[in-house]
Amino acid sequence: MMNPQALVDTILNENRKLLADVPEAAVDHLIEALDNAKRIFCAAQGRSGFILRSFCMRLMQLGYSAFFVGETITPGIRGGDILFVLSGSGQTPLTLEWIKLARGQGATPLGIVGKKDSPIGKTLDYSLPLSSGSREPDSVQPPGSLFEQAAFSILESISLALYQRQGSDPEAIRERHANLE
């Protein structure tokens, strides 16, 4: 068994390798779309759902109207809104159905997928593929972990870019941060 630092190095190296192939223009496209959306609806299942929830929370803290699909306080989606999805397999039936429903309401579906040629990847108006998918053959980690870690890093970079666009004001974030903790 490897020591903890060696395991961390392995995880970081796998992420660096995967993220090195992400085109800057693809991330820029997502940043522009999110920044110009009326409202942002986030949707994902399983562990990807937990990753996307943290991004949705950060969007809210940055002042965007952001909601997580399936919550009781999530309003109806409509034209001018974005449905932002995260799916490693690109095959999650419920996420695929939400994309179709959102498009039917005039919203723009986009997101991050493990495979661009997956059912979800093909259905989105725009997708940023993280080529690992949910079955990373070259990864020593459990299936899905590399995709989720890399997606979190991309989402954090998007959050940072939006934060910098707004002037990097930590007080603005603190004003929207939860205080019933």
C-alpha atoms as a PDB file:
ATOM      1  CA  MET A   1       0.000   0.000   0.000  1.00  0.00           C
ATOM      2  CA  MET A   2       1.250   3.471  -0.891  1.00  0.00           C
ATOM      3  CA  ASN A   3       1.766   6.151   1.692  1.00  0.00           C
ATOM      4  CA  PRO A   4      -0.821   8.979   1.820  1.00  0.00           C
ATOM      5  CA  GLN A   5       1.400  11.533   0.045  1.00  0.00           C
ATOM      6  CA  ALA A   6       2.089   9.106  -2.787  1.00  0.00           C
ATOM      7  CA  LEU A   7      -1.655   8.530  -3.178  1.00  0.00           C
ATOM      8  CA  VAL A   8      -2.301  12.284  -3.280  1.00  0.00           C
ATOM      9  CA  ASP A   9       0.449  12.669  -5.887  1.00  0.00           C
ATOM     10  CA  THR A  10      -1.146   9.909  -7.968  1.00  0.00           C
ATOM     11  CA  ILE A  11      -4.557  11.600  -7.843  1.00  0.00           C
ATOM     12  CA  LEU A  12      -3.108  15.019  -8.697  1.00  0.00           C
ATOM     13  CA  ASN A  13      -1.057  13.608 -11.570  1.00  0.00           C
ATOM     14  CA  GLU A  14      -4.080  11.849 -13.060  1.00  0.00           C
ATOM     15  CA  ASN A  15      -6.047  15.099 -12.841  1.00  0.00           C
ATOM     16  CA  ARG A  16      -3.246  17.148 -14.406  1.00  0.00           C
ATOM     17  CA  LYS A  17      -3.049  14.711 -17.305  1.00  0.00           C
ATOM     18  CA  LEU A  18      -6.806  14.765 -17.928  1.00  0.00           C
ATOM     19  CA  LEU A  19      -7.205  18.532 -17.489  1.00  0.00           C
ATOM     20  CA  ALA A  20      -4.261  19.320 -19.773  1.00  0.00           C
ATOM     21  CA  ASP A  21      -6.463  18.346 -22.732  1.00  0.00           C
ATOM     22  CA  VAL A  22      -9.332  20.708 -21.880  1.00  0.00           C
ATOM     23  CA  PRO A  23      -9.457  23.477 -24.498  1.00  0.00           C
ATOM     24  CA  GLU A  24      -9.445  26.983 -23.021  1.00  0.00           C
ATOM     25  CA  ALA A  25     -12.067  28.067 -25.559  1.00  0.00           C
ATOM     26  CA  ALA A  26     -14.466  25.396 -24.271  1.00  0.00           C
ATOM     27  CA  VAL A  27     -14.225  26.687 -20.712  1.00  0.00           C
ATOM     28  CA  ASP A  28     -14.552  30.281 -21.950  1.00  0.00           C
ATOM     29  CA  HIS A  29     -17.744  29.307 -23.783  1.00  0.00           C
ATOM     30  CA  LEU A  30     -19.272  27.947 -20.560  1.00  0.00           C
ATOM     31  CA  ILE A  31     -18.211  31.041 -18.619  1.00  0.00           C
ATOM     32  CA  GLU A  32     -19.874  33.351 -21.157  1.00  0.00           C
ATOM     33  CA  ALA A  33     -23.064  31.302 -21.287  1.00  0.00           C
ATOM     34  CA  LEU A  34     -23.390  31.164 -17.498  1.00  0.00           C
ATOM     35  CA  ASP A  35     -22.579  34.841 -17.063  1.00  0.00           C
ATOM     36  CA  ASN A  36     -25.275  35.821 -19.581  1.00  0.00           C
ATOM     37  CA  ALA A  37     -28.043  33.460 -18.435  1.00  0.00           C
ATOM     38  CA  LYS A  38     -31.186  34.805 -16.817  1.00  0.00           C
ATOM     39  CA  ARG A  39     -31.171  31.890 -14.394  1.00  0.00           C
ATOM     40  CA  ILE A  40     -29.067  28.742 -14.036  1.00  0.00           C
ATOM     41  CA  PHE A  41     -30.523  25.345 -13.209  1.00  0.00           C
ATOM     42  CA  CYS A  42     -28.034  22.638 -12.218  1.00  0.00           C
ATOM     43  CA  ALA A  43     -28.839  18.939 -12.630  1.00  0.00           C
ATOM     44  CA  ALA A  44     -26.851  15.784 -11.918  1.00  0.00           C
ATOM     45  CA  GLN A  45     -27.230  12.469 -10.150  1.00  0.00           C
ATOM     46  CA  GLY A  46     -25.094  10.498  -7.703  1.00  0.00           C
ATOM     47  CA  ARG A  47     -21.628  11.769  -6.798  1.00  0.00           C
ATOM     48  CA  SER A  48     -21.720  14.148  -9.747  1.00  0.00           C
ATOM     49  CA  GLY A  49     -24.792  15.679  -8.129  1.00  0.00           C
ATOM     50  CA  PHE A  50     -22.803  16.484  -4.987  1.00  0.00           C
ATOM     51  CA  ILE A  51     -20.070  18.098  -7.096  1.00  0.00           C
ATOM     52  CA  LEU A  52     -22.601  20.164  -9.036  1.00  0.00           C
ATOM     53  CA  ARG A  53     -24.455  21.223  -5.877  1.00  0.00           C
ATOM     54  CA  SER A  54     -21.295  22.907  -4.607  1.00  0.00           C
ATOM     55  CA  PHE A  55     -20.990  24.765  -7.925  1.00  0.00           C
ATOM     56  CA  CYS A  56     -24.653  25.798  -7.779  1.00  0.00           C
ATOM     57  CA  MET A  57     -24.089  27.134  -4.245  1.00  0.00           C
ATOM     58  CA  ARG A  58     -21.073  29.116  -5.402  1.00  0.00           C
ATOM     59  CA  LEU A  59     -23.064  30.597  -8.287  1.00  0.00           C
ATOM     60  CA  MET A  60     -25.665  31.772  -5.775  1.00  0.00           C
ATOM     61  CA  GLN A  61     -22.927  33.267  -3.598  1.00  0.00           C
ATOM     62  CA  LEU A  62     -21.634  35.094  -6.670  1.00  0.00           C
ATOM     63  CA  GLY A  63     -25.080  36.642  -7.127  1.00  0.00           C
ATOM     64  CA  TYR A  64     -26.497  34.458  -9.887  1.00  0.00           C
ATOM     65  CA  SER A  65     -30.028  33.083  -9.755  1.00  0.00           C
ATOM     66  CA  ALA A  66     -29.035  29.445  -9.441  1.00  0.00           C
ATOM     67  CA  PHE A  67     -31.150  26.442  -8.530  1.00  0.00           C
ATOM     68  CA  PHE A  68     -30.612  22.710  -8.188  1.00  0.00           C
ATOM     69  CA  VAL A  69     -33.186  20.660 -10.095  1.00  0.00           C
ATOM     70  CA  GLY A  70     -35.356  18.506  -7.854  1.00  0.00           C
ATOM     71  CA  GLU A  71     -35.315  20.761  -4.803  1.00  0.00           C
ATOM     72  CA  THR A  72     -38.718  21.876  -3.540  1.00  0.00           C
ATOM     73  CA  ILE A  73     -37.876  25.563  -4.002  1.00  0.00           C
ATOM     74  CA  THR A  74     -36.680  25.249  -7.606  1.00  0.00           C
ATOM     75  CA  PRO A  75     -38.923  27.322  -9.902  1.00  0.00           C
ATOM     76  CA  GLY A  76     -39.962  26.392 -13.433  1.00  0.00           C
ATOM     77  CA  ILE A  77     -37.367  26.725 -16.161  1.00  0.00           C
ATOM     78  CA  ARG A  78     -38.059  28.893 -19.231  1.00  0.00           C
ATOM     79  CA  GLY A  79     -36.507  30.714 -22.179  1.00  0.00           C
ATOM     80  CA  GLY A  80     -33.295  32.573 -21.374  1.00  0.00           C
ATOM     81  CA  ASP A  81     -32.425  30.066 -18.654  1.00  0.00           C
ATOM     82  CA  ILE A  82     -29.660  27.492 -18.754  1.00  0.00           C
ATOM     83  CA  LEU A  83     -29.827  23.887 -17.653  1.00  0.00           C
ATOM     84  CA  PHE A  84     -26.282  22.976 -16.666  1.00  0.00           C
ATOM     85  CA  VAL A  85     -25.679  19.240 -16.306  1.00  0.00           C
ATOM     86  CA  LEU A  86     -22.805  17.072 -15.168  1.00  0.00           C
ATOM     87  CA  SER A  87     -22.613  13.420 -16.204  1.00  0.00           C
ATOM     88  CA  GLY A  88     -19.618  11.123 -16.337  1.00  0.00           C
ATOM     89  CA  SER A  89     -21.393   8.322 -18.160  1.00  0.00           C
ATOM     90  CA  GLY A  90     -23.469  10.633 -20.319  1.00  0.00           C
ATOM     91  CA  GLN A  91     -26.275   8.105 -20.049  1.00  0.00           C
ATOM     92  CA  THR A  92     -28.188   8.976 -16.870  1.00  0.00           C
ATOM     93  CA  PRO A  93     -31.871   8.618 -17.894  1.00  0.00           C
ATOM     94  CA  LEU A  94     -33.281  11.271 -15.536  1.00  0.00           C
ATOM     95  CA  THR A  95     -30.684  13.860 -16.586  1.00  0.00           C
ATOM     96  CA  LEU A  96     -31.413  13.090 -20.237  1.00  0.00           C
ATOM     97  CA  GLU A  97     -35.127  13.594 -19.627  1.00  0.00           C
ATOM     98  CA  TRP A  98     -34.514  16.924 -17.854  1.00  0.00           C
ATOM     99  CA  ILE A  99     -32.527  18.132 -20.884  1.00  0.00           C
ATOM    100  CA  LYS A 100     -35.457  17.358 -23.165  1.00  0.00           C
ATOM    101  CA  LEU A 101     -37.939  19.038 -20.812  1.00  0.00           C
ATOM    102  CA  ALA A 102     -35.745  22.136 -20.415  1.00  0.00           C
ATOM    103  CA  ARG A 103     -35.308  22.490 -24.169  1.00  0.00           C
ATOM    104  CA  GLY A 104     -39.097  22.174 -24.564  1.00  0.00           C
ATOM    105  CA  GLN A 105     -39.462  25.188 -22.284  1.00  0.00           C
ATOM    106  CA  GLY A 106     -36.996  27.229 -24.337  1.00  0.00           C
ATOM    107  CA  ALA A 107     -33.999  26.839 -22.008  1.00  0.00           C
ATOM    108  CA  THR A 108     -30.481  26.116 -23.238  1.00  0.00           C
ATOM    109  CA  PRO A 109     -28.986  22.819 -22.032  1.00  0.00           C
ATOM    110  CA  LEU A 110     -25.224  22.616 -21.646  1.00  0.00           C
ATOM    111  CA  GLY A 111     -22.729  20.946 -19.368  1.00  0.00           C
ATOM    112  CA  ILE A 112     -19.749  18.747 -18.736  1.00  0.00           C
ATOM    113  CA  VAL A 113     -19.804  15.107 -19.804  1.00  0.00           C
ATOM    114  CA  GLY A 114     -17.414  12.202 -19.723  1.00  0.00           C
ATOM    115  CA  LYS A 115     -18.101  11.340 -23.348  1.00  0.00           C
ATOM    116  CA  LYS A 116     -19.151  13.838 -26.025  1.00  0.00           C
ATOM    117  CA  ASP A 117     -20.694  11.089 -28.172  1.00  0.00           C
ATOM    118  CA  SER A 118     -22.871   9.822 -25.306  1.00  0.00           C
ATOM    119  CA  PRO A 119     -26.670  10.270 -25.351  1.00  0.00           C
ATOM    120  CA  ILE A 120     -26.400  13.298 -23.033  1.00  0.00           C
ATOM    121  CA  GLY A 121     -23.385  14.720 -24.846  1.00  0.00           C
ATOM    122  CA  LYS A 122     -25.243  14.504 -28.170  1.00  0.00           C
ATOM    123  CA  THR A 123     -28.400  16.092 -26.710  1.00  0.00           C
ATOM    124  CA  LEU A 124     -26.770  19.146 -25.117  1.00  0.00           C
ATOM    125  CA  ASP A 125     -26.524  22.376 -27.112  1.00  0.00           C
ATOM    126  CA  TYR A 126     -22.938  22.599 -25.887  1.00  0.00           C
ATOM    127  CA  SER A 127     -20.816  20.174 -23.914  1.00  0.00           C
ATOM    128  CA  LEU A 128     -17.322  20.217 -22.536  1.00  0.00           C
ATOM    129  CA  PRO A 129     -16.063  16.636 -22.650  1.00  0.00           C
ATOM    130  CA  LEU A 130     -13.700  15.311 -20.014  1.00  0.00           C
ATOM    131  CA  SER A 131     -12.511  12.334 -22.000  1.00  0.00           C
ATOM    132  CA  SER A 132     -12.230  10.038 -19.013  1.00  0.00           C
ATOM    133  CA  GLY A 133     -15.909   9.218 -18.809  1.00  0.00           C
ATOM    134  CA  SER A 134     -17.023   7.344 -15.743  1.00  0.00           C
ATOM    135  CA  ARG A 135     -14.895   4.316 -16.583  1.00  0.00           C
ATOM    136  CA  GLU A 136     -11.338   5.651 -16.553  1.00  0.00           C
ATOM    137  CA  PRO A 137      -9.283   2.752 -17.943  1.00  0.00           C
ATOM    138  CA  ASP A 138      -5.945   4.398 -17.142  1.00  0.00           C
ATOM    139  CA  SER A 139      -6.896   5.470 -13.628  1.00  0.00           C
ATOM    140  CA  VAL A 140      -5.953   3.603 -10.472  1.00  0.00           C
ATOM    141  CA  GLN A 141      -8.909   5.232  -8.706  1.00  0.00           C
ATOM    142  CA  PRO A 142     -12.404   3.789  -8.307  1.00  0.00           C
ATOM    143  CA  PRO A 143     -14.598   4.299 -11.387  1.00  0.00           C
ATOM    144  CA  GLY A 144     -15.944   7.835 -11.651  1.00  0.00           C
ATOM    145  CA  SER A 145     -13.510   9.450  -9.230  1.00  0.00           C
ATOM    146  CA  LEU A 146     -11.222  11.004 -11.832  1.00  0.00           C
ATOM    147  CA  PHE A 147     -14.143  12.489 -13.772  1.00  0.00           C
ATOM    148  CA  GLU A 148     -15.684  13.940 -10.614  1.00  0.00           C
ATOM    149  CA  GLN A 149     -12.393  15.420  -9.400  1.00  0.00           C
ATOM    150  CA  ALA A 150     -11.604  16.940 -12.787  1.00  0.00           C
ATOM    151  CA  ALA A 151     -15.136  18.305 -13.132  1.00  0.00           C
ATOM    152  CA  PHE A 152     -14.860  19.909  -9.693  1.00  0.00           C
ATOM    153  CA  SER A 153     -11.595  21.555 -10.744  1.00  0.00           C
ATOM    154  CA  ILE A 154     -13.129  22.892 -13.974  1.00  0.00           C
ATOM    155  CA  LEU A 155     -16.169  24.181 -12.083  1.00  0.00           C
ATOM    156  CA  GLU A 156     -13.916  25.860  -9.533  1.00  0.00           C
ATOM    157  CA  SER A 157     -11.971  27.528 -12.351  1.00  0.00           C
ATOM    158  CA  ILE A 158     -15.257  28.789 -13.814  1.00  0.00           C
ATOM    159  CA  SER A 159     -16.257  30.102 -10.383  1.00  0.00           C
ATOM    160  CA  LEU A 160     -12.915  31.859 -10.035  1.00  0.00           C
ATOM    161  CA  ALA A 161     -13.222  33.443 -13.482  1.00  0.00           C
ATOM    162  CA  LEU A 162     -16.713  34.741 -12.652  1.00  0.00           C
ATOM    163  CA  TYR A 163     -15.478  35.996  -9.262  1.00  0.00           C
ATOM    164  CA  GLN A 164     -12.615  37.853 -10.940  1.00  0.00           C
ATOM    165  CA  ARG A 165     -14.992  39.381 -13.496  1.00  0.00           C
ATOM    166  CA  GLN A 166     -16.951  40.798 -10.583  1.00  0.00           C
ATOM    167  CA  GLY A 167     -13.874  42.380  -9.035  1.00  0.00           C
ATOM    168  CA  SER A 168     -12.878  39.632  -6.569  1.00  0.00           C
ATOM    169  CA  ASP A 169     -14.805  41.192  -3.684  1.00  0.00           C
ATOM    170  CA  PRO A 170     -14.847  38.737  -0.751  1.00  0.00           C
ATOM    171  CA  GLU A 171     -17.398  40.887   1.105  1.00  0.00           C
ATOM    172  CA  ALA A 172     -19.950  40.350  -1.667  1.00  0.00           C
ATOM    173  CA  ILE A 173     -19.531  36.597  -1.220  1.00  0.00           C
ATOM    174  CA  ARG A 174     -19.783  36.822   2.572  1.00  0.00           C
ATOM    175  CA  GLU A 175     -23.058  38.763   2.276  1.00  0.00           C
ATOM    176  CA  ARG A 176     -24.631  35.835   0.426  1.00  0.00           C
ATOM    177  CA  HIS A 177     -22.959  33.102   2.478  1.00  0.00           C
ATOM    178  CA  ALA A 178     -25.146  31.027   4.773  1.00  0.00           C
ATOM    179  CA  ASN A 179     -25.303  32.391   8.313  1.00  0.00           C
ATOM    180  CA  LEU A 180     -27.605  29.805   9.875  1.00  0.00           C
ATOM    181  CA  GLU A 181     -24.809  27.342  10.497  1.00  0.00           C
END
